């Protein structure tokens, strides 16, 4: 799940006018995603170095 979230973040933030992305579920902000509890409650931005999975 973590890899999927970061794929969305890195794809969406490849453009200069989109430095961060907010992931919504059914149009609503949720704090965590999936059984793993991947935190998505606030906008996410690219890290200087990609996360190790």
PDB file of N, CA and C in Angstrom:
ATOM      1  N   UNK A   1       0.828  -1.185   0.000  1.00  0.00           N
ATOM      2  CA  UNK A   1       0.000   0.000   0.000  1.00  0.00           C
ATOM      3  C   UNK A   1       0.878   1.257   0.000  1.00  0.00           C
ATOM      4  N   UNK A   2       1.943   1.215   0.766  1.00  0.00           N
ATOM      5  CA  UNK A   2       2.836   2.367   0.837  1.00  0.00           C
ATOM      6  C   UNK A   2       3.420   2.690  -0.541  1.00  0.00           C
ATOM      7  N   UNK A   3       3.819   1.673  -1.272  1.00  0.00           N
ATOM      8  CA  UNK A   3       4.361   1.885  -2.612  1.00  0.00           C
ATOM      9  C   UNK A   3       3.323   2.510  -3.539  1.00  0.00           C
ATOM     10  N   UNK A   4       2.095   2.104  -3.408  1.00  0.00           N
ATOM     11  CA  UNK A   4       1.030   2.659  -4.250  1.00  0.00           C
ATOM     12  C   UNK A   4       0.800   4.134  -3.944  1.00  0.00           C
ATOM     13  N   UNK A   5       0.782   4.464  -2.665  1.00  0.00           N
ATOM     14  CA  UNK A   5       0.596   5.866  -2.277  1.00  0.00           C
ATOM     15  C   UNK A   5       1.726   6.718  -2.837  1.00  0.00           C
ATOM     16  N   UNK A   6       2.968   6.275  -2.671  1.00  0.00           N
ATOM     17  CA  UNK A   6       4.097   7.073  -3.160  1.00  0.00           C
ATOM     18  C   UNK A   6       4.115   7.142  -4.678  1.00  0.00           C
ATOM     19  N   UNK A   7       3.629   6.130  -5.368  1.00  0.00           N
ATOM     20  CA  UNK A   7       3.544   6.208  -6.834  1.00  0.00           C
ATOM     21  C   UNK A   7       2.592   7.320  -7.242  1.00  0.00           C
ATOM     22  N   UNK A   8       1.458   7.424  -6.568  1.00  0.00           N
ATOM     23  CA  UNK A   8       0.507   8.501  -6.849  1.00  0.00           C
ATOM     24  C   UNK A   8       1.155   9.853  -6.564  1.00  0.00           C
ATOM     25  N   UNK A   9       1.825   9.977  -5.419  1.00  0.00           N
ATOM     26  CA  UNK A   9       2.459  11.242  -5.042  1.00  0.00           C
ATOM     27  C   UNK A   9       3.508  11.648  -6.075  1.00  0.00           C
ATOM     28  N   UNK A  10       4.390  10.744  -6.447  1.00  0.00           N
ATOM     29  CA  UNK A  10       5.459  11.075  -7.395  1.00  0.00           C
ATOM     30  C   UNK A  10       4.915  11.361  -8.789  1.00  0.00           C
ATOM     31  N   UNK A  11       3.850  10.678  -9.199  1.00  0.00           N
ATOM     32  CA  UNK A  11       3.248  10.954 -10.507  1.00  0.00           C
ATOM     33  C   UNK A  11       2.564  12.320 -10.509  1.00  0.00           C
ATOM     34  N   UNK A  12       1.794  12.615  -9.479  1.00  0.00           N
ATOM     35  CA  UNK A  12       1.038  13.870  -9.433  1.00  0.00           C
ATOM     36  C   UNK A  12       1.924  15.086  -9.216  1.00  0.00           C
ATOM     37  N   UNK A  13       3.047  14.921  -8.554  1.00  0.00           N
ATOM     38  CA  UNK A  13       3.900  16.074  -8.243  1.00  0.00           C
ATOM     39  C   UNK A  13       5.046  16.257  -9.224  1.00  0.00           C
ATOM     40  N   UNK A  14       4.978  15.609 -10.368  1.00  0.00           N
ATOM     41  CA  UNK A  14       6.042  15.778 -11.357  1.00  0.00           C
ATOM     42  C   UNK A  14       5.969  17.134 -12.040  1.00  0.00           C
ATOM     43  N   UNK A  15       4.884  17.861 -11.843  1.00  0.00           N
ATOM     44  CA  UNK A  15       4.701  19.167 -12.453  1.00  0.00           C
ATOM     45  C   UNK A  15       4.945  20.265 -11.424  1.00  0.00           C
ATOM     46  N   UNK A  16       5.584  21.350 -11.839  1.00  0.00           N
ATOM     47  CA  UNK A  16       5.963  22.435 -10.920  1.00  0.00           C
ATOM     48  C   UNK A  16       4.756  23.072 -10.222  1.00  0.00           C
ATOM     49  N   UNK A  17       3.606  23.138 -10.893  1.00  0.00           N
ATOM     50  CA  UNK A  17       2.441  23.772 -10.273  1.00  0.00           C
ATOM     51  C   UNK A  17       1.652  22.821  -9.377  1.00  0.00           C
ATOM     52  N   UNK A  18       2.191  21.636  -9.113  1.00  0.00           N
ATOM     53  CA  UNK A  18       1.552  20.691  -8.185  1.00  0.00           C
ATOM     54  C   UNK A  18       2.617  20.149  -7.230  1.00  0.00           C
ATOM     55  N   UNK A  19       3.082  20.973  -6.268  1.00  0.00           N
ATOM     56  CA  UNK A  19       4.148  20.527  -5.368  1.00  0.00           C
ATOM     57  C   UNK A  19       3.702  19.518  -4.313  1.00  0.00           C
ATOM     58  N   UNK A  20       2.384  19.395  -4.121  1.00  0.00           N
ATOM     59  CA  UNK A  20       1.872  18.438  -3.147  1.00  0.00           C
ATOM     60  C   UNK A  20       0.528  17.908  -3.621  1.00  0.00           C
ATOM     61  N   UNK A  21       0.120  16.787  -3.037  1.00  0.00           N
ATOM     62  CA  UNK A  21      -1.127  16.137  -3.442  1.00  0.00           C
ATOM     63  C   UNK A  21      -1.877  15.682  -2.189  1.00  0.00           C
ATOM     64  N   UNK A  22      -3.185  15.844  -2.226  1.00  0.00           N
ATOM     65  CA  UNK A  22      -4.037  15.362  -1.136  1.00  0.00           C
ATOM     66  C   UNK A  22      -4.838  14.188  -1.670  1.00  0.00           C
ATOM     67  N   UNK A  23      -4.729  13.054  -1.032  1.00  0.00           N
ATOM     68  CA  UNK A  23      -5.459  11.859  -1.451  1.00  0.00           C
ATOM     69  C   UNK A  23      -6.779  11.810  -0.693  1.00  0.00           C
ATOM     70  N   UNK A  24      -7.872  11.731  -1.441  1.00  0.00           N
ATOM     71  CA  UNK A  24      -9.208  11.663  -0.859  1.00  0.00           C
ATOM     72  C   UNK A  24      -9.817  10.300  -1.146  1.00  0.00           C
ATOM     73  N   UNK A  25     -10.668   9.844  -0.257  1.00  0.00           N
ATOM     74  CA  UNK A  25     -11.383   8.580  -0.437  1.00  0.00           C
ATOM     75  C   UNK A  25     -12.868   8.917  -0.504  1.00  0.00           C
ATOM     76  N   UNK A  26     -13.496   8.614  -1.634  1.00  0.00           N
ATOM     77  CA  UNK A  26     -14.904   8.981  -1.864  1.00  0.00           C
ATOM     78  C   UNK A  26     -15.130  10.468  -1.623  1.00  0.00           C
ATOM     79  N   UNK A  27     -14.147  11.288  -2.022  1.00  0.00           N
ATOM     80  CA  UNK A  27     -14.274  12.742  -1.898  1.00  0.00           C
ATOM     81  C   UNK A  27     -14.045  13.290  -0.496  1.00  0.00           C
ATOM     82  N   UNK A  28     -13.626  12.436   0.420  1.00  0.00           N
ATOM     83  CA  UNK A  28     -13.420  12.855   1.807  1.00  0.00           C
ATOM     84  C   UNK A  28     -11.982  12.640   2.229  1.00  0.00           C
ATOM     85  N   UNK A  29     -11.516  13.525   3.098  1.00  0.00           N
ATOM     86  CA  UNK A  29     -10.183  13.375   3.667  1.00  0.00           C
ATOM     87  C   UNK A  29     -10.243  12.322   4.764  1.00  0.00           C
ATOM     88  N   UNK A  30      -9.326  11.366   4.716  1.00  0.00           N
ATOM     89  CA  UNK A  30      -9.211  10.348   5.760  1.00  0.00           C
ATOM     90  C   UNK A  30      -7.786  10.398   6.303  1.00  0.00           C
ATOM     91  N   UNK A  31      -7.607   9.973   7.530  1.00  0.00           N
ATOM     92  CA  UNK A  31      -6.285  10.030   8.159  1.00  0.00           C
ATOM     93  C   UNK A  31      -5.346   8.929   7.668  1.00  0.00           C
ATOM     94  N   UNK A  32      -5.898   7.730   7.466  1.00  0.00           N
ATOM     95  CA  UNK A  32      -5.046   6.592   7.098  1.00  0.00           C
ATOM     96  C   UNK A  32      -5.731   5.763   6.018  1.00  0.00           C
ATOM     97  N   UNK A  33      -4.912   5.018   5.284  1.00  0.00           N
ATOM     98  CA  UNK A  33      -5.413   4.221   4.177  1.00  0.00           C
ATOM     99  C   UNK A  33      -4.985   2.773   4.352  1.00  0.00           C
ATOM    100  N   UNK A  34      -5.898   1.858   4.131  1.00  0.00           N
ATOM    101  CA  UNK A  34      -5.579   0.438   4.171  1.00  0.00           C
ATOM    102  C   UNK A  34      -5.348  -0.093   5.566  1.00  0.00           C
ATOM    103  N   UNK A  35      -5.230  -1.396   5.647  1.00  0.00           N
ATOM    104  CA  UNK A  35      -4.988  -2.051   6.927  1.00  0.00           C
ATOM    105  C   UNK A  35      -3.633  -1.719   7.517  1.00  0.00           C
ATOM    106  N   UNK A  36      -2.700  -1.272   6.654  1.00  0.00           N
ATOM    107  CA  UNK A  36      -1.359  -0.916   7.113  1.00  0.00           C
ATOM    108  C   UNK A  36      -1.340   0.426   7.830  1.00  0.00           C
ATOM    109  N   UNK A  37      -2.384   1.236   7.604  1.00  0.00           N
ATOM    110  CA  UNK A  37      -2.447   2.542   8.249  1.00  0.00           C
ATOM    111  C   UNK A  37      -1.510   3.571   7.630  1.00  0.00           C
ATOM    112  N   UNK A  38      -1.401   3.570   6.298  1.00  0.00           N
ATOM    113  CA  UNK A  38      -0.565   4.557   5.615  1.00  0.00           C
ATOM    114  C   UNK A  38      -1.199   5.928   5.816  1.00  0.00           C
ATOM    115  N   UNK A  39      -0.464   6.840   6.418  1.00  0.00           N
ATOM    116  CA  UNK A  39      -0.991   8.160   6.769  1.00  0.00           C
ATOM    117  C   UNK A  39      -1.133   9.043   5.535  1.00  0.00           C
ATOM    118  N   UNK A  40      -2.382   9.502   5.276  1.00  0.00           N
ATOM    119  CA  UNK A  40      -2.654  10.370   4.135  1.00  0.00           C
ATOM    120  C   UNK A  40      -3.542  11.541   4.550  1.00  0.00           C
ATOM    121  N   UNK A  41      -3.569  11.873   5.824  1.00  0.00           N
ATOM    122  CA  UNK A  41      -4.470  12.899   6.344  1.00  0.00           C
ATOM    123  C   UNK A  41      -4.108  14.326   5.981  1.00  0.00           C
ATOM    124  N   UNK A  42      -2.894  14.555   5.521  1.00  0.00           N
ATOM    125  CA  UNK A  42      -2.478  15.894   5.116  1.00  0.00           C
ATOM    126  C   UNK A  42      -1.822  15.794   3.744  1.00  0.00           C
ATOM    127  N   UNK A  43      -1.691  16.925   3.045  1.00  0.00           N
ATOM    128  CA  UNK A  43      -1.075  16.879   1.722  1.00  0.00           C
ATOM    129  C   UNK A  43       0.326  16.262   1.768  1.00  0.00           C
ATOM    130  N   UNK A  44       0.638  15.485   0.747  1.00  0.00           N
ATOM    131  CA  UNK A  44       1.938  14.815   0.656  1.00  0.00           C
ATOM    132  C   UNK A  44       2.747  15.459  -0.455  1.00  0.00           C
ATOM    133  N   UNK A  45       4.058  15.558  -0.237  1.00  0.00           N
ATOM    134  CA  UNK A  45       4.945  16.083  -1.268  1.00  0.00           C
ATOM    135  C   UNK A  45       6.118  15.149  -1.449  1.00  0.00           C
ATOM    136  N   UNK A  46       6.785  15.311  -2.579  1.00  0.00           N
ATOM    137  CA  UNK A  46       7.963  14.490  -2.869  1.00  0.00           C
ATOM    138  C   UNK A  46       9.013  14.674  -1.801  1.00  0.00           C
ATOM    139  N   UNK A  47       9.674  13.611  -1.466  1.00  0.00           N
ATOM    140  CA  UNK A  47      10.810  13.670  -0.556  1.00  0.00           C
ATOM    141  C   UNK A  47      12.065  13.936  -1.370  1.00  0.00           C
ATOM    142  N   UNK A  48      13.085  14.479  -0.728  1.00  0.00           N
ATOM    143  CA  UNK A  48      14.362  14.723  -1.418  1.00  0.00           C
ATOM    144  C   UNK A  48      14.935  13.413  -1.948  1.00  0.00           C
ATOM    145  N   UNK A  49      14.759  12.346  -1.170  1.00  0.00           N
ATOM    146  CA  UNK A  49      15.172  11.013  -1.609  1.00  0.00           C
ATOM    147  C   UNK A  49      13.948  10.119  -1.538  1.00  0.00           C
ATOM    148  N   UNK A  50      13.755   9.261  -2.519  1.00  0.00           N
ATOM    149  CA  UNK A  50      12.574   8.382  -2.508  1.00  0.00           C
ATOM    150  C   UNK A  50      12.538   7.517  -1.246  1.00  0.00           C
ATOM    151  N   UNK A  51      11.345   7.253  -0.729  1.00  0.00           N
ATOM    152  CA  UNK A  51      11.224   6.402   0.460  1.00  0.00           C
ATOM    153  C   UNK A  51      11.675   4.980   0.160  1.00  0.00           C
ATOM    154  N   UNK A  52      12.302   4.351   1.126  1.00  0.00           N
ATOM    155  CA  UNK A  52      12.674   2.944   0.950  1.00  0.00           C
ATOM    156  C   UNK A  52      11.489   2.093   1.394  1.00  0.00           C
ATOM    157  N   UNK A  53      11.139   1.141   0.582  1.00  0.00           N
ATOM    158  CA  UNK A  53       9.956   0.321   0.871  1.00  0.00           C
ATOM    159  C   UNK A  53      10.314  -1.027   1.312  1.00  0.00           C
TER     160      UNK A  53
END
